[in-house]
Amino acid sequence: MKHRVRSVLTSTPLTLLFVAVALSRLAAQENTIDPTKANPDALQALNRMGGYLRSLQVFQVRAVTTSEIVLDNGQKLTLDQTTNLLAKHPDKLMADTSGDKGSKIYFFDGKTFTLFDRDNLYYAIVPAPSTAAELVNVLQTKYNMQIPLVDLFLWGAPNNAPPNITSAIDVGPTQVNEITCEHYAFRQEGLDWQVWIQQGEFPLPLKLVLTTLTDEARPQHTSLLSWNLAPSFNEGAFTFTPPKDAQKITITTDTSGGGN
């Protein structure tokens, strides 16, 4: 007997974090956060991390994510997904996803965007703007679509309004995969989230845990991130060549006005 899924985080874990970390100017907005609840060092750490990520010209990141969904009887299920993203600022990216939610590859070469569904062997190609940041907006507003991890390009963007952070905590130093990190915890409406940021001159996010507060079962998403700041690749990595048995389809525009 199939159970209806009662609750699930519909956005990817990194999507929620990257929306939250559009805090590049938040520390200076004294009226936005109650200083008795928000640790300024924790907020500054987000600012520093966001600024550093926006400065990267080329990078590769691998995210291993475990997501909880809650059935209508309260039972939790876990879904695993792995995403590999290769990006070259400002107009090239490739994201390869596989796991319990299916297997897809996303390509952007500065002129076109391609989605290839490996499970069903279909692909779609649409014209694209000239930058990855613009592409994010087009996909969300026109096609109701998101590329996993692509919110990296939105951190600190002028049009990305920061959320109302009600609590910011510096938990302290620890290690993720034997790398020394500082552990931070934040709260905003409906969401608790934690991030582990690498200490030193490379303030990269290495782990993320998100907890949904709007469901009494408190489903969580956990991601472990591995970074390569000097990846080896050629321009062909961002270009799609369809397999002989793949079928080309058309992506329909979204008229609902909603996001994923």
Protein backbone atom coordinates (compact mmCIF):
# COMPACT_ATOMS: atom_id res chain seq x y z
CA MET A 1 0.00 0.00 0.00
CA LYS A 2 1.41 3.33 -1.03
CA HIS A 3 1.63 6.14 1.48
CA ARG A 4 1.14 9.76 0.62
CA VAL A 5 4.14 11.93 1.39
CA ARG A 6 3.02 14.47 3.95
CA SER A 7 6.06 16.66 4.14
CA VAL A 8 9.18 17.20 2.12
CA LEU A 9 11.60 20.07 1.60
CA THR A 10 10.84 20.88 -2.01
CA SER A 11 13.95 22.97 -2.56
CA THR A 12 17.37 21.40 -2.56
CA PRO A 13 19.33 21.78 0.69
CA LEU A 14 21.84 24.01 -0.94
CA THR A 15 19.08 26.13 -2.45
CA LEU A 16 17.83 26.98 1.02
CA LEU A 17 21.30 27.68 2.30
CA PHE A 18 22.28 29.83 -0.65
CA VAL A 19 19.14 31.90 -0.27
CA ALA A 20 20.03 32.29 3.39
CA VAL A 21 23.61 33.24 2.70
CA ALA A 22 22.65 36.17 0.54
CA LEU A 23 23.81 38.01 3.65
CA SER A 24 26.67 39.94 2.14
CA ARG A 25 25.39 43.16 3.62
CA LEU A 26 23.34 41.77 6.49
CA ALA A 27 25.85 42.37 9.26
CA ALA A 28 25.70 46.10 8.57
CA GLN A 29 21.91 46.19 8.83
CA GLU A 30 21.67 46.71 12.59
CA ASN A 31 17.88 46.96 12.60
CA THR A 32 17.41 43.62 10.85
CA ILE A 33 18.78 41.37 13.58
CA ASP A 34 18.43 41.52 17.34
CA PRO A 35 22.07 41.67 18.52
CA THR A 36 21.14 39.77 21.69
CA LYS A 37 20.20 36.74 19.58
CA ALA A 38 22.61 36.96 16.66
CA ASN A 39 26.33 36.43 17.09
CA PRO A 40 28.04 39.03 14.87
CA ASP A 41 31.00 36.69 14.35
CA ALA A 42 28.66 34.06 12.90
CA LEU A 43 27.12 36.58 10.52
CA GLN A 44 30.54 37.84 9.51
CA ALA A 45 31.59 34.27 8.77
CA LEU A 46 28.70 33.99 6.31
CA ASN A 47 29.70 37.26 4.69
CA ARG A 48 33.28 36.08 4.31
CA MET A 49 32.24 32.69 2.92
CA GLY A 50 29.82 34.24 0.43
CA GLY A 51 32.37 36.78 -0.76
CA TYR A 52 34.98 34.09 -1.22
CA LEU A 53 32.66 31.82 -3.21
CA ARG A 54 31.69 34.71 -5.49
CA SER A 55 35.38 35.33 -6.16
CA LEU A 56 36.02 31.83 -7.53
CA GLN A 57 36.52 31.83 -11.29
CA VAL A 58 36.66 28.06 -11.74
CA PHE A 59 35.68 25.32 -9.32
CA GLN A 60 34.30 21.84 -8.98
CA VAL A 61 32.14 20.73 -6.06
CA ARG A 62 30.66 17.35 -5.17
CA ALA A 63 27.66 17.20 -2.84
CA VAL A 64 26.47 13.98 -1.22
CA THR A 65 23.01 14.63 0.19
CA THR A 66 20.64 12.63 2.37
CA SER A 67 17.08 13.95 2.50
CA GLU A 68 14.29 12.90 4.81
CA ILE A 69 10.67 12.78 3.69
CA VAL A 70 7.75 12.12 5.99
CA LEU A 71 4.84 9.86 5.10
CA ASP A 72 1.30 10.68 6.22
CA ASN A 73 1.61 8.10 9.00
CA GLY A 74 4.66 9.87 10.41
CA GLN A 75 7.21 7.35 9.12
CA LYS A 76 10.42 8.86 7.75
CA LEU A 77 12.16 7.77 4.57
CA THR A 78 15.62 8.83 3.39
CA LEU A 79 16.65 9.60 -0.18
CA ASP A 80 20.29 9.88 -1.26
CA GLN A 81 21.57 12.04 -4.09
CA THR A 82 25.02 12.91 -5.43
CA THR A 83 25.67 16.06 -7.46
CA ASN A 84 28.88 17.02 -9.25
CA LEU A 85 29.06 20.62 -10.44
CA LEU A 86 31.76 22.11 -12.65
CA ALA A 87 31.60 25.89 -13.12
CA LYS A 88 33.61 28.50 -14.99
CA HIS A 89 32.66 32.07 -14.23
CA PRO A 90 30.59 33.68 -15.62
CA ASP A 91 29.10 31.63 -18.44
CA LYS A 92 29.85 27.91 -18.18
CA LEU A 93 28.53 25.12 -15.97
CA MET A 94 27.72 21.43 -15.92
CA ALA A 95 25.84 19.66 -13.13
CA ASP A 96 25.56 15.87 -13.01
CA THR A 97 23.08 14.37 -10.53
CA SER A 98 22.33 10.75 -9.68
CA GLY A 99 20.59 8.87 -6.88
CA ASP A 100 17.17 8.05 -5.53
CA LYS A 101 15.63 11.10 -7.21
CA GLY A 102 16.83 10.09 -10.66
CA SER A 103 19.77 10.84 -12.93
CA LYS A 104 20.06 14.08 -14.90
CA ILE A 105 22.77 16.30 -16.39
CA TYR A 106 22.48 20.05 -16.89
CA PHE A 107 24.65 21.93 -19.40
CA PHE A 108 25.17 25.66 -19.93
CA ASP A 109 27.67 26.93 -22.49
CA GLY A 110 26.92 30.66 -22.46
CA LYS A 111 24.42 30.38 -25.31
CA THR A 112 22.12 27.45 -24.64
CA PHE A 113 20.86 25.44 -21.68
CA THR A 114 20.37 21.66 -22.00
CA LEU A 115 18.68 19.20 -19.68
CA PHE A 116 19.37 15.49 -20.27
CA ASP A 117 17.37 12.86 -18.38
CA ARG A 118 19.47 9.70 -18.41
CA ASP A 119 16.72 7.52 -16.94
CA ASN A 120 14.20 8.29 -19.68
CA LEU A 121 16.67 9.17 -22.45
CA TYR A 122 15.20 12.51 -23.37
CA TYR A 123 16.77 15.95 -23.63
CA ALA A 124 15.67 19.52 -24.16
CA ILE A 125 17.59 22.57 -25.35
CA VAL A 126 16.53 26.19 -24.90
CA PRO A 127 18.24 29.53 -25.62
CA ALA A 128 20.00 30.94 -22.58
CA PRO A 129 21.27 34.32 -21.37
CA SER A 130 24.99 35.02 -21.32
CA THR A 131 25.72 34.40 -17.62
CA ALA A 132 24.95 31.65 -15.12
CA ALA A 133 23.43 34.19 -12.72
CA GLU A 134 20.95 35.32 -15.38
CA LEU A 135 20.25 31.70 -16.30
CA VAL A 136 19.16 30.94 -12.74
CA ASN A 137 16.49 33.61 -12.91
CA VAL A 138 15.25 32.54 -16.35
CA LEU A 139 14.94 28.89 -15.36
CA GLN A 140 13.07 29.73 -12.16
CA THR A 141 10.67 32.30 -13.58
CA LYS A 142 10.08 30.92 -17.08
CA TYR A 143 10.41 27.16 -16.65
CA ASN A 144 9.90 26.63 -12.89
CA MET A 145 13.22 24.78 -12.80
CA GLN A 146 16.37 24.82 -10.66
CA ILE A 147 19.83 23.41 -11.28
CA PRO A 148 21.28 21.68 -8.20
CA LEU A 149 23.95 23.79 -6.44
CA VAL A 150 23.45 26.65 -8.86
CA ASP A 151 22.56 28.98 -6.00
CA LEU A 152 26.30 29.40 -5.60
CA PHE A 153 25.94 32.06 -8.26
CA LEU A 154 23.34 33.95 -6.23
CA TRP A 155 25.29 34.49 -3.03
CA GLY A 156 25.38 38.20 -2.34
CA ALA A 157 23.59 39.13 -5.56
CA PRO A 158 21.99 42.60 -5.30
CA ASN A 159 18.50 41.27 -6.08
CA ASN A 160 18.66 38.47 -3.51
CA ALA A 161 16.90 39.71 -0.40
CA PRO A 162 18.34 38.25 2.82
CA PRO A 163 16.03 36.30 5.13
CA ASN A 164 15.19 37.44 8.64
CA ILE A 165 17.77 35.57 10.72
CA THR A 166 16.46 35.39 14.29
CA SER A 167 19.38 33.45 15.79
CA ALA A 168 23.04 33.06 14.83
CA ILE A 169 25.41 30.93 16.92
CA ASP A 170 29.12 30.16 16.68
CA VAL A 171 29.12 26.59 17.99
CA GLY A 172 32.89 26.22 17.85
CA PRO A 173 35.70 24.43 16.01
CA THR A 174 35.41 20.84 14.82
CA GLN A 175 36.41 18.70 11.85
CA VAL A 176 34.68 17.52 8.69
CA ASN A 177 36.53 14.81 6.77
CA GLU A 178 39.64 15.64 8.82
CA ILE A 179 39.49 19.31 7.79
CA THR A 180 39.27 21.89 10.59
CA CYS A 181 36.05 23.88 10.42
CA GLU A 182 34.01 26.31 12.45
CA HIS A 183 30.48 25.14 13.15
CA TYR A 184 27.68 27.73 12.94
CA ALA A 185 23.93 27.43 13.57
CA PHE A 186 21.18 29.78 12.35
CA ARG A 187 17.43 30.08 12.66
CA GLN A 188 14.92 31.80 10.41
CA GLU A 189 11.16 31.44 10.04
CA GLY A 190 10.34 27.79 9.47
CA LEU A 191 13.93 26.62 9.23
CA ASP A 192 16.94 25.79 11.39
CA TRP A 193 20.20 25.34 9.52
CA GLN A 194 23.81 24.62 10.32
CA VAL A 195 26.93 25.12 8.26
CA TRP A 196 30.50 23.98 8.82
CA ILE A 197 32.97 26.44 7.23
CA GLN A 198 36.58 25.57 6.60
CA GLN A 199 38.98 27.62 8.70
CA GLY A 200 41.85 29.58 7.16
CA GLU A 201 42.16 31.36 3.84
CA PHE A 202 39.67 29.10 2.03
CA PRO A 203 36.32 29.62 3.83
CA LEU A 204 34.43 26.89 1.99
CA PRO A 205 31.20 25.29 3.26
CA LEU A 206 31.96 21.61 3.90
CA LYS A 207 28.78 20.42 5.59
CA LEU A 208 25.19 21.57 5.79
CA VAL A 209 22.23 20.40 7.87
CA LEU A 210 18.74 21.85 7.43
CA THR A 211 15.76 21.12 9.66
CA THR A 212 12.22 22.04 8.63
CA LEU A 213 10.31 23.54 11.56
CA THR A 214 6.91 23.71 9.86
CA ASP A 215 6.48 19.92 10.14
CA GLU A 216 6.22 18.35 13.59
CA ALA A 217 8.40 15.45 12.38
CA ARG A 218 11.29 17.90 11.74
CA PRO A 219 12.61 16.36 8.48
CA GLN A 220 16.29 17.05 7.81
CA HIS A 221 18.55 17.42 4.79
CA THR A 222 22.27 16.77 5.24
CA SER A 223 24.93 17.55 2.62
CA LEU A 224 28.67 16.89 2.62
CA LEU A 225 30.64 19.02 0.15
CA SER A 226 34.02 18.29 -1.44
CA TRP A 227 35.75 21.09 -3.35
CA ASN A 228 38.34 21.22 -6.14
CA LEU A 229 39.49 24.76 -6.85
CA ALA A 230 41.81 23.78 -9.72
CA PRO A 231 39.83 21.24 -11.76
CA SER A 232 41.15 19.82 -15.02
CA PHE A 233 38.66 20.12 -17.91
CA ASN A 234 38.17 21.30 -21.47
CA GLU A 235 35.40 23.42 -23.00
CA GLY A 236 33.69 20.26 -24.24
CA ALA A 237 32.65 19.53 -20.66
CA PHE A 238 29.93 22.18 -21.00
CA THR A 239 28.58 20.95 -24.35
CA PHE A 240 25.96 18.23 -24.77
CA THR A 241 26.18 15.57 -27.47
CA PRO A 242 22.97 13.54 -27.50
CA PRO A 243 23.17 9.73 -27.57
CA LYS A 244 21.77 8.09 -30.71
CA ASP A 245 18.76 6.70 -28.88
CA ALA A 246 17.90 9.91 -27.00
CA GLN A 247 14.70 11.78 -27.84
CA LYS A 248 14.51 15.55 -28.05
CA ILE A 249 11.55 17.16 -26.29
CA THR A 250 10.30 20.67 -25.62
CA ILE A 251 10.40 22.32 -22.19
CA THR A 252 7.10 24.07 -21.58
CA THR A 253 7.01 27.44 -19.89
CA ASP A 254 5.52 27.68 -16.41
CA THR A 255 2.39 29.78 -16.09
CA SER A 256 1.69 29.17 -12.42
CA GLY A 257 4.07 31.86 -11.22
CA GLY A 258 5.48 29.52 -8.58
CA GLY A 259 8.91 28.06 -8.02
CA ASN A 260 10.04 24.48 -7.45
